[in-house]
Protein backbone atom coordinates (compact mmCIF):
# COMPACT_ATOMS: atom_id res chain seq x y z
CA MET A 1 -0.07 0.02 0.02
CA VAL A 2 1.45 3.46 -0.98
CA LYS A 3 1.54 5.74 2.02
CA LYS A 4 0.30 9.29 1.91
CA SER A 5 3.67 10.71 2.74
CA GLU A 6 5.19 8.79 -0.30
CA ILE A 7 2.64 10.33 -2.65
CA ILE A 8 2.98 13.87 -1.43
CA TRP A 9 6.83 13.95 -1.47
CA ASN A 10 6.85 12.08 -4.81
CA THR A 11 4.50 14.71 -6.23
CA LEU A 12 6.55 17.53 -5.01
CA GLY A 13 9.65 15.96 -6.31
CA SER A 14 8.08 15.09 -9.70
CA PHE A 15 6.84 18.81 -9.82
CA VAL A 16 10.26 20.32 -9.31
CA GLU A 17 11.92 17.93 -11.73
CA SER A 18 9.20 18.60 -14.28
CA LEU A 19 9.77 22.27 -14.17
CA LEU A 20 13.62 21.99 -14.38
CA SER A 21 14.16 22.61 -18.14
CA ALA A 22 11.18 25.14 -18.15
CA VAL A 23 12.68 27.27 -15.36
CA LEU A 24 16.21 26.92 -16.76
CA LEU A 25 14.98 28.20 -20.13
CA MET A 26 13.11 31.11 -18.47
CA PHE A 27 16.37 32.29 -16.71
CA CYS A 28 18.32 31.85 -19.93
CA THR A 29 15.85 33.78 -21.97
CA ARG A 30 15.56 36.69 -19.44
CA LEU A 31 19.17 36.98 -18.59
CA ASN A 32 21.01 35.97 -21.68
CA GLY A 33 18.63 36.52 -24.57
CA THR A 34 16.78 34.19 -27.03
CA GLU A 35 19.87 33.06 -29.08
CA ILE A 36 21.60 31.79 -25.90
CA ALA A 37 18.45 30.43 -24.61
CA GLY A 38 17.97 28.38 -27.84
CA MET A 39 21.58 27.11 -27.72
CA PHE A 40 21.01 26.07 -24.02
CA SER A 41 17.55 24.38 -25.08
CA ILE A 42 19.15 22.13 -27.71
CA SER A 43 22.02 21.34 -25.40
CA PHE A 44 19.59 20.43 -22.63
CA ALA A 45 17.64 18.19 -25.22
CA THR A 46 20.97 16.53 -26.28
CA ALA A 47 21.80 15.75 -22.53
CA THR A 48 18.30 14.42 -21.98
CA ILE A 49 18.63 11.94 -24.95
CA LEU A 50 22.06 10.82 -23.81
CA ASN A 51 20.41 10.43 -20.46
CA ALA A 52 18.61 7.23 -21.68
CA ILE A 53 22.04 5.55 -21.70
CA GLY A 54 22.60 6.42 -18.13
CA ASP A 55 18.98 5.52 -17.27
CA PHE A 56 19.07 2.26 -19.20
CA GLY A 57 15.77 1.33 -17.73
CA ILE A 58 17.28 0.26 -14.54
CA ARG A 59 14.90 2.12 -12.31
CA ILE A 60 11.84 0.43 -13.67
CA TYR A 61 13.52 -3.05 -13.59
CA GLN A 62 14.91 -2.52 -10.03
CA VAL A 63 11.63 -1.27 -8.48
CA THR A 64 9.59 -4.12 -10.05
CA ASP A 65 12.19 -6.62 -8.85
CA THR A 66 10.05 -7.19 -5.79
CA ASN A 67 11.36 -10.73 -5.16
CA ARG A 68 14.86 -9.27 -4.81
CA LYS A 69 16.68 -11.25 -7.46
CA TYR A 70 19.48 -8.83 -7.46
CA LYS A 71 21.16 -6.67 -4.56
CA PHE A 72 21.36 -2.93 -4.42
CA GLY A 73 25.10 -3.20 -5.08
CA ASP A 74 24.42 -5.05 -8.24
CA TYR A 75 22.12 -2.36 -9.60
CA LEU A 76 24.67 0.41 -8.44
CA LEU A 77 27.50 -1.18 -10.33
CA ALA A 78 25.42 -1.68 -13.43
CA ARG A 79 24.47 1.91 -13.21
CA VAL A 80 28.16 3.12 -12.80
CA PHE A 81 28.91 1.18 -15.98
CA VAL A 82 26.28 2.83 -18.03
CA VAL A 83 26.83 6.41 -16.86
CA ILE A 84 30.59 5.99 -17.78
CA THR A 85 29.43 4.81 -21.28
CA MET A 86 27.02 7.85 -21.38
CA VAL A 87 29.89 10.28 -20.57
CA ILE A 88 32.05 8.79 -23.27
CA ILE A 89 29.42 8.81 -25.93
CA GLY A 90 28.37 12.33 -24.97
CA ILE A 91 31.95 13.64 -25.26
CA LEU A 92 32.39 11.96 -28.60
CA PHE A 93 29.05 13.26 -29.78
CA VAL A 94 29.68 16.82 -29.03
CA ASN A 95 33.24 16.83 -30.53
CA ILE A 96 32.03 15.48 -33.88
CA SER A 97 28.85 17.75 -34.05
CA GLY A 98 30.82 20.79 -34.76
CA TYR A 99 29.33 22.55 -31.81
CA THR A 100 30.82 26.12 -30.93
CA ALA A 101 33.04 26.07 -27.78
CA GLU A 102 30.28 27.67 -25.76
CA LYS A 103 27.60 25.11 -26.89
CA LEU A 104 30.07 22.21 -26.37
CA TRP A 105 30.89 23.21 -22.70
CA ILE A 106 27.21 23.77 -21.93
CA CYS A 107 26.28 20.39 -23.34
CA ILE A 108 29.02 18.58 -21.38
CA ALA A 109 28.04 20.26 -18.06
CA LEU A 110 24.38 19.29 -18.64
CA ILE A 111 25.39 15.68 -19.43
CA MET A 112 27.17 15.62 -16.01
CA PHE A 113 24.19 16.87 -14.38
CA LYS A 114 22.22 13.97 -15.72
CA VAL A 115 24.99 11.51 -14.58
CA ILE A 116 24.38 12.52 -11.06
CA ASP A 117 20.70 12.25 -11.56
CA ASN A 118 20.99 8.82 -12.79
CA LEU A 119 23.15 7.69 -9.86
CA SER A 120 20.58 9.15 -7.52
CA GLU A 121 17.89 7.15 -9.37
CA THR A 122 19.45 3.92 -8.13
CA TYR A 123 19.33 5.11 -4.63
CA GLN A 124 15.78 6.25 -5.02
CA GLY A 125 14.82 2.76 -6.34
CA GLU A 126 16.13 1.28 -3.29
CA PHE A 127 14.18 3.81 -1.20
CA GLN A 128 11.04 2.80 -2.92
CA LEU A 129 11.70 -0.94 -2.55
CA ARG A 130 11.82 -0.18 1.25
CA ASN A 131 8.52 1.56 1.04
CA ARG A 132 10.25 5.00 1.47
CA LEU A 133 9.54 6.70 -1.89
CA ASP A 134 9.19 9.80 0.21
CA LEU A 135 12.97 9.94 0.56
CA GLY A 136 13.35 9.91 -3.27
CA GLY A 137 10.98 12.70 -3.51
CA LYS A 138 12.91 14.85 -0.82
CA SER A 139 16.02 14.04 -2.79
CA MET A 140 14.68 15.48 -6.02
CA VAL A 141 13.13 18.67 -4.18
CA ILE A 142 16.49 19.34 -2.45
CA ARG A 143 18.91 18.65 -5.26
CA VAL A 144 16.94 20.30 -8.11
CA SER A 145 15.47 23.39 -6.43
CA SER A 146 19.04 24.10 -4.76
CA SER A 147 20.79 23.78 -8.16
CA LEU A 148 18.30 26.07 -9.78
CA ILE A 149 18.81 28.64 -7.15
CA VAL A 150 22.52 28.53 -7.57
CA PHE A 151 22.24 28.60 -11.35
CA PHE A 152 20.14 31.69 -11.14
CA ILE A 153 22.37 33.47 -8.80
CA ILE A 154 25.53 32.77 -10.67
CA ASP A 155 24.05 33.72 -13.99
CA VAL A 156 22.71 37.04 -12.42
CA ILE A 157 26.15 37.91 -11.29
CA THR A 158 28.34 36.62 -14.00
CA LYS A 159 26.00 36.59 -17.19
CA ASN A 160 28.18 33.53 -18.05
CA VAL A 161 26.03 30.46 -18.88
CA ILE A 162 28.98 28.11 -18.81
CA PHE A 163 30.15 29.04 -15.32
CA SER A 164 26.45 28.89 -14.26
CA CYS A 165 26.15 25.41 -15.63
CA ILE A 166 29.34 24.20 -13.77
CA THR A 167 28.04 25.51 -10.35
CA PHE A 168 24.75 23.84 -11.27
CA VAL A 169 26.31 20.44 -11.59
CA LEU A 170 28.56 20.85 -8.49
CA THR A 171 25.52 21.80 -6.41
CA ASN A 172 23.70 18.67 -7.55
CA LEU A 173 26.74 16.49 -6.87
CA THR A 174 27.26 17.90 -3.31
CA LEU A 175 23.59 17.29 -2.37
CA PHE A 176 23.51 13.82 -3.81
CA LEU A 177 26.43 12.84 -1.54
CA LEU A 178 24.88 14.58 1.47
CA TRP A 179 21.37 13.24 1.02
CA ASP A 180 20.96 10.03 -1.01
CA VAL A 181 24.27 8.35 -0.10
CA ARG A 182 24.14 9.40 3.63
CA ILE A 183 20.44 8.41 4.00
CA LEU A 184 20.84 4.94 2.52
CA SER A 185 23.85 4.28 4.74
CA LYS A 186 21.50 4.54 7.78
CA PHE A 187 19.37 1.70 6.35
CA GLN A 188 22.18 -0.68 5.40
CA LYS A 189 25.88 -0.89 5.07
CA LEU A 190 26.95 -0.52 1.47
CA GLU A 191 28.58 -3.79 0.42
CA ILE A 192 29.58 -3.70 -3.21
CA LYS A 193 30.70 -7.14 -4.38
CA TYR A 194 31.43 -7.29 -8.11
CA ASP A 195 29.60 -10.16 -9.53
CA LYS A 196 30.12 -10.15 -13.35
CA ASN A 197 27.19 -12.59 -14.05
CA ASN A 198 24.59 -10.44 -12.08
CA ILE A 199 25.57 -7.14 -13.68
CA LYS A 200 25.59 -8.86 -17.23
CA GLU A 201 22.15 -10.11 -16.58
CA ILE A 202 20.75 -6.83 -15.27
CA LEU A 203 22.28 -5.09 -18.31
CA LEU A 204 20.98 -7.59 -20.80
CA ASP A 205 17.55 -7.65 -19.20
CA CYS A 206 17.46 -3.78 -19.26
CA LEU A 207 18.80 -3.41 -22.72
CA PRO A 208 15.40 -3.40 -24.53
CA LEU A 209 14.20 -0.78 -21.93
CA ALA A 210 17.24 1.37 -22.60
CA ILE A 211 16.73 1.27 -26.24
CA SER A 212 13.11 2.10 -25.88
CA THR A 213 13.68 5.03 -23.34
CA GLY A 214 16.46 6.29 -25.47
CA LEU A 215 14.33 6.27 -28.60
CA SER A 216 11.55 7.82 -26.59
CA LEU A 217 13.62 10.68 -25.84
CA TYR A 218 14.69 11.05 -29.45
CA ILE A 219 10.93 10.96 -30.51
CA ILE A 220 9.95 13.70 -28.16
CA ASN A 221 12.97 15.84 -29.12
CA ALA A 222 13.09 15.05 -32.78
CA THR A 223 11.17 18.19 -33.59
CA LYS A 224 13.75 20.35 -31.74
CA TYR A 225 16.39 18.74 -33.77
CA ALA A 226 14.47 19.41 -37.05
CA ILE A 227 14.24 23.09 -35.92
CA ASP A 228 18.05 23.08 -35.38
CA ASN A 229 18.52 21.92 -38.93
CA PHE A 230 15.73 23.99 -40.68
CA GLY A 231 14.93 26.83 -38.28
CA ASP A 232 17.00 29.11 -36.02
CA TYR A 233 17.63 29.61 -32.19
CA THR A 234 14.75 32.06 -31.93
CA MET A 235 12.22 29.57 -33.45
CA GLN A 236 13.80 26.95 -31.08
CA THR A 237 13.03 29.26 -28.11
CA TYR A 238 9.50 29.82 -29.08
CA PHE A 239 8.78 26.11 -29.74
CA ASN A 240 10.18 25.22 -26.33
CA VAL A 241 8.07 27.94 -24.55
CA ILE A 242 4.79 26.81 -26.12
CA TYR A 243 5.83 23.30 -25.21
CA MET A 244 5.87 24.04 -21.52
CA PRO A 245 2.26 23.23 -20.68
CA THR A 246 2.97 19.54 -21.62
CA PHE A 247 5.18 19.32 -18.57
CA VAL A 248 2.12 19.50 -16.46
CA ILE A 249 1.03 16.27 -18.04
CA ASN A 250 4.42 14.78 -17.31
CA LEU A 251 4.15 15.86 -13.73
CA VAL A 252 0.74 14.32 -13.60
CA SER A 253 2.01 11.05 -15.14
CA ALA A 254 4.92 10.96 -12.64
CA PHE A 255 2.57 11.64 -9.82
CA VAL A 256 0.36 8.87 -10.83
CA ILE A 257 2.82 6.24 -12.30
CA LYS A 258 6.00 6.37 -10.01
CA PRO A 259 4.29 5.70 -6.81
CA PHE A 260 2.62 2.59 -8.22
CA LEU A 261 5.48 1.13 -9.93
CA LYS A 262 6.19 -1.25 -7.08
CA PRO A 263 2.55 -2.15 -6.76
CA PHE A 264 2.53 -3.02 -10.38
CA GLY A 265 5.34 -5.50 -9.78
CA ASP A 266 3.35 -6.88 -6.61
CA LEU A 267 0.22 -7.33 -8.64
CA TRP A 268 2.02 -9.05 -11.51
CA ASN A 269 4.06 -11.38 -9.32
CA SER A 270 1.02 -12.34 -7.18
CA LYS A 271 -0.89 -13.07 -10.50
CA GLU A 272 -3.58 -10.43 -9.81
CA TYR A 273 -3.84 -9.69 -13.59
CA LEU A 274 -7.30 -7.97 -13.61
CA LYS A 275 -6.37 -5.46 -10.85
CA PHE A 276 -3.09 -4.91 -12.95
CA ILE A 277 -5.01 -4.21 -16.07
CA LYS A 278 -7.55 -1.91 -14.22
CA SER A 279 -4.82 0.06 -12.65
CA ILE A 280 -3.24 0.77 -16.14
CA SER A 281 -6.63 1.74 -17.53
CA LEU A 282 -7.35 4.24 -14.60
CA ILE A 283 -4.05 5.89 -14.93
CA ILE A 284 -4.64 6.70 -18.60
CA LEU A 285 -8.12 7.99 -17.81
CA ILE A 286 -6.57 10.30 -15.23
CA LEU A 287 -4.16 11.57 -17.87
CA ALA A 288 -7.15 12.17 -20.26
CA GLY A 289 -8.86 14.18 -17.65
CA ALA A 290 -5.81 16.23 -16.81
CA THR A 291 -5.20 16.92 -20.51
CA ILE A 292 -8.71 18.34 -20.86
CA CYS A 293 -8.22 20.69 -17.79
CA ILE A 294 -4.83 21.68 -19.06
CA ASP A 295 -5.99 22.49 -22.45
CA ILE A 296 -8.95 24.67 -21.08
CA ALA A 297 -6.45 26.53 -18.92
CA CYS A 298 -4.13 27.18 -21.80
CA ALA A 299 -6.87 28.42 -23.96
CA LEU A 300 -7.90 30.86 -21.27
CA LEU A 301 -4.50 31.83 -19.84
CA GLY A 302 -1.62 30.07 -21.66
CA VAL A 303 -0.61 32.77 -24.07
CA PRO A 304 -0.77 35.79 -21.77
CA VAL A 305 0.91 34.15 -18.87
CA LEU A 306 3.71 32.48 -20.70
CA SER A 307 4.27 35.70 -22.85
CA PHE A 308 4.68 37.55 -19.59
CA ILE A 309 6.98 35.13 -17.94
CA TYR A 310 9.37 34.71 -20.86
CA GLY A 311 8.96 38.32 -22.27
CA ILE A 312 8.10 37.34 -25.73
CA ASP A 313 4.84 37.46 -27.79
CA LEU A 314 3.36 34.11 -28.12
CA SER A 315 -0.13 35.25 -29.52
CA PRO A 316 0.40 33.66 -32.93
CA TYR A 317 0.86 30.33 -31.45
CA LYS A 318 -2.17 29.61 -29.41
CA ILE A 319 -3.57 26.61 -31.40
CA GLU A 320 -0.13 25.20 -31.66
CA MET A 321 0.17 25.26 -27.83
CA LEU A 322 -3.22 23.55 -27.29
CA LEU A 323 -2.12 20.77 -29.95
CA LEU A 324 1.11 20.20 -28.18
CA VAL A 325 -0.83 19.53 -24.90
CA ILE A 326 -2.85 16.69 -26.69
CA SER A 327 0.41 15.42 -27.99
CA GLY A 328 1.70 15.23 -24.52
CA PHE A 329 -1.19 13.19 -23.35
CA PHE A 330 -0.32 10.47 -26.04
CA TYR A 331 3.38 10.59 -25.02
CA ALA A 332 2.58 10.18 -21.25
CA SER A 333 0.04 7.39 -22.07
CA ALA A 334 2.79 5.72 -24.13
CA THR A 335 4.98 5.78 -21.08
CA VAL A 336 2.25 4.11 -19.14
CA MET A 337 2.12 1.26 -21.66
CA LEU A 338 6.02 0.92 -21.58
CA TYR A 339 5.86 0.48 -17.86
CA ALA A 340 3.04 -2.08 -18.23
CA LEU A 341 4.97 -4.01 -20.94
CA SER A 342 8.17 -3.80 -18.84
CA THR A 343 6.48 -5.13 -15.66
CA ILE A 344 5.36 -8.38 -17.50
CA ARG A 345 8.88 -8.55 -18.86
CA LYS A 346 8.01 -7.91 -22.53
CA GLN A 347 10.57 -5.16 -23.07
CA LYS A 348 11.43 -6.50 -26.57
CA LEU A 349 8.00 -5.55 -27.90
CA THR A 350 8.57 -1.97 -26.60
CA THR A 351 11.84 -1.76 -28.44
CA ILE A 352 10.03 -2.72 -31.76
CA ALA A 353 7.47 -0.06 -31.22
CA TYR A 354 10.02 2.71 -30.40
CA ILE A 355 12.28 1.83 -33.39
CA ILE A 356 9.24 2.05 -35.84
CA THR A 357 8.07 5.34 -34.21
CA SER A 358 11.72 6.81 -34.21
CA VAL A 359 12.03 6.27 -38.10
CA ILE A 360 8.58 7.91 -38.53
CA ALA A 361 9.77 10.71 -36.25
CA LEU A 362 12.88 11.32 -38.14
CA ILE A 363 11.24 11.53 -41.61
CA ALA A 364 8.05 13.49 -40.33
CA SER A 365 9.88 16.13 -38.28
CA ASN A 366 12.35 16.98 -41.03
CA ILE A 367 9.90 17.07 -43.92
CA CYS A 368 7.29 19.03 -41.92
CA VAL A 369 9.54 21.56 -40.34
CA ASN A 370 11.37 22.15 -43.59
CA LYS A 371 8.03 22.74 -45.32
CA TRP A 372 5.81 24.43 -42.81
CA GLN A 373 8.31 25.58 -40.07
CA MET A 374 6.37 25.99 -36.62
CA LYS A 375 3.15 24.56 -37.90
CA GLY A 376 5.17 21.57 -39.32
CA ALA A 377 6.79 20.99 -35.89
CA ILE A 378 3.40 20.59 -34.22
CA VAL A 379 2.11 18.25 -36.95
CA SER A 380 5.15 16.09 -36.84
CA ASN A 381 4.99 15.95 -33.03
CA MET A 382 1.51 14.83 -32.97
CA ILE A 383 2.12 12.12 -35.73
CA THR A 384 5.01 10.57 -33.73
CA THR A 385 3.28 10.59 -30.23
CA VAL A 386 0.06 9.04 -31.57
CA THR A 387 1.92 6.38 -33.53
CA LEU A 388 3.92 5.31 -30.50
CA PHE A 389 0.86 5.23 -28.15
CA VAL A 390 -1.07 3.02 -30.71
CA LEU A 391 1.70 0.70 -31.33
CA LEU A 392 2.32 0.03 -27.59
CA VAL A 393 -1.49 -0.58 -26.99
CA ILE A 394 -1.53 -3.08 -29.83
CA PHE A 395 1.41 -5.01 -28.49
CA PHE A 396 0.03 -4.99 -25.02
CA LEU A 397 -3.39 -6.26 -26.18
CA TYR A 398 -1.57 -8.85 -28.25
CA GLU A 399 0.06 -10.13 -25.05
CA LEU A 400 -3.20 -10.20 -23.18
CA LYS A 401 -4.74 -12.26 -25.96
CA LYS A 402 -1.91 -14.98 -25.98
CA SER A 403 -1.45 -15.15 -22.14
CA LYS A 404 -3.65 -16.13 -19.12
CA MET A 405 -4.22 -12.51 -18.37
CA GLY A 406 -6.81 -12.22 -21.09
CA LYS A 407 -8.84 -15.11 -19.57
C-alpha cells in the first residue's frame, strides 16, 4: 500500500523535476537572450537523450524486482557502468557535431548533471523498494531546487552560462552525496561485491528498456533537432516555450505512475492480472482528464501568462500550444504502456514500437519543419506521439490475448 507521505513527496519531487528545463529556459531567456536560450535548450535536449544511456531502464526493472533477485550493489555497479558509457558517448558526440566552444561546454555540463541524476535514481529505487519513496521525492526537491537557485544567482552575477552550468552541476553532486548516499547508509551498510554475471544479466534484461527509453527521448526531441536543422535559435526558443504546458502532463504522469511502480510488480508477481489491467486503464483515464483541464487553462491563460513570464509575444501560437498539450497526453500514455510491458517482462516488444516510431519521427519532423516551419513542428510531433501510443497498445493487447491475463 502506498503511504500518503510517499505520494506527497513524490508529487513535490516530480513537480520540481518537471519544471527544471522550463525554469532554466526562462532564466536563460530573461538573462541571456533568445539566441543563448535556444543554444541552451538544444544542449539540454541532447543531454536528455544521452540520459537514456545512463537511465538504461534500470529504475523500472529495479523497483519491479520485488522478489529481490539482485542486490542494491548489483544495480549500483550496473548503473556506474552505463553512466561511464554515457559520458564517453556524450563527449564523442559533442566533439564530432561541430558545436561552438560555448555550446560544447554547456552540453558537457548538462550531461554531467544527468549523470548525477542517474546515480541518484539507483538510490531512489532502493528507497522505494523499502517503501520509502518519500525519501526519493525529498532528494529531488532538495537537489533540483537548490541547483536551480545556484544557477540563477551565478547567472545574474556573471551573465556567463558556462560558469552557471558548472556550479549547477557541483551543487547537484554535493547534495547527492549529502542526502542520498548518507541516508541509505542509515538503512544498510553498503557492500559492493563485483558479480560479473549479475551485472551482465541486469544489463541484458534492461537493454530493450534502454533502447526504448533512448528512442523515446529522441522521439519527443526529434522536432527540436529538425528546428535546429531548418529553423533558428529564436524559433527553437518559441517552440520550447509553447511546449511548456505539456510538462504539467508529465508531472501528472509521474505523480500517478511512479508511486505505483512497485505495486505493479506486486500485482503481476501475485498473479492479480485483472487489478493490474484496471490500474493501467485508470492511469490513462486520469491523464485524459488532466489533459482536458490543462487545455482549457491554456486556452484561457496560456498565451498571456507565458508571454509575460518569458518576455516574448506568443499570441500567434495559441492553437499550436493546445495541440502540443494533446500530443503530450499521447506521449505520457505511451510511457504508461512502456511500464506495463516492462512489468510483464515484454521489453523487446517496446523496442520494436520505439524503433518504428523513431523512423517515422525522423522523416516526419524533417519534412514537416522544412516545409511548414512551426506548424510543421506541431504536426510532426502529433504524428509521432500518436503512432507510439497506438503501437504499444496493440502490443499490450496482443500479449493479453496470448496469455492467461486475457482469460
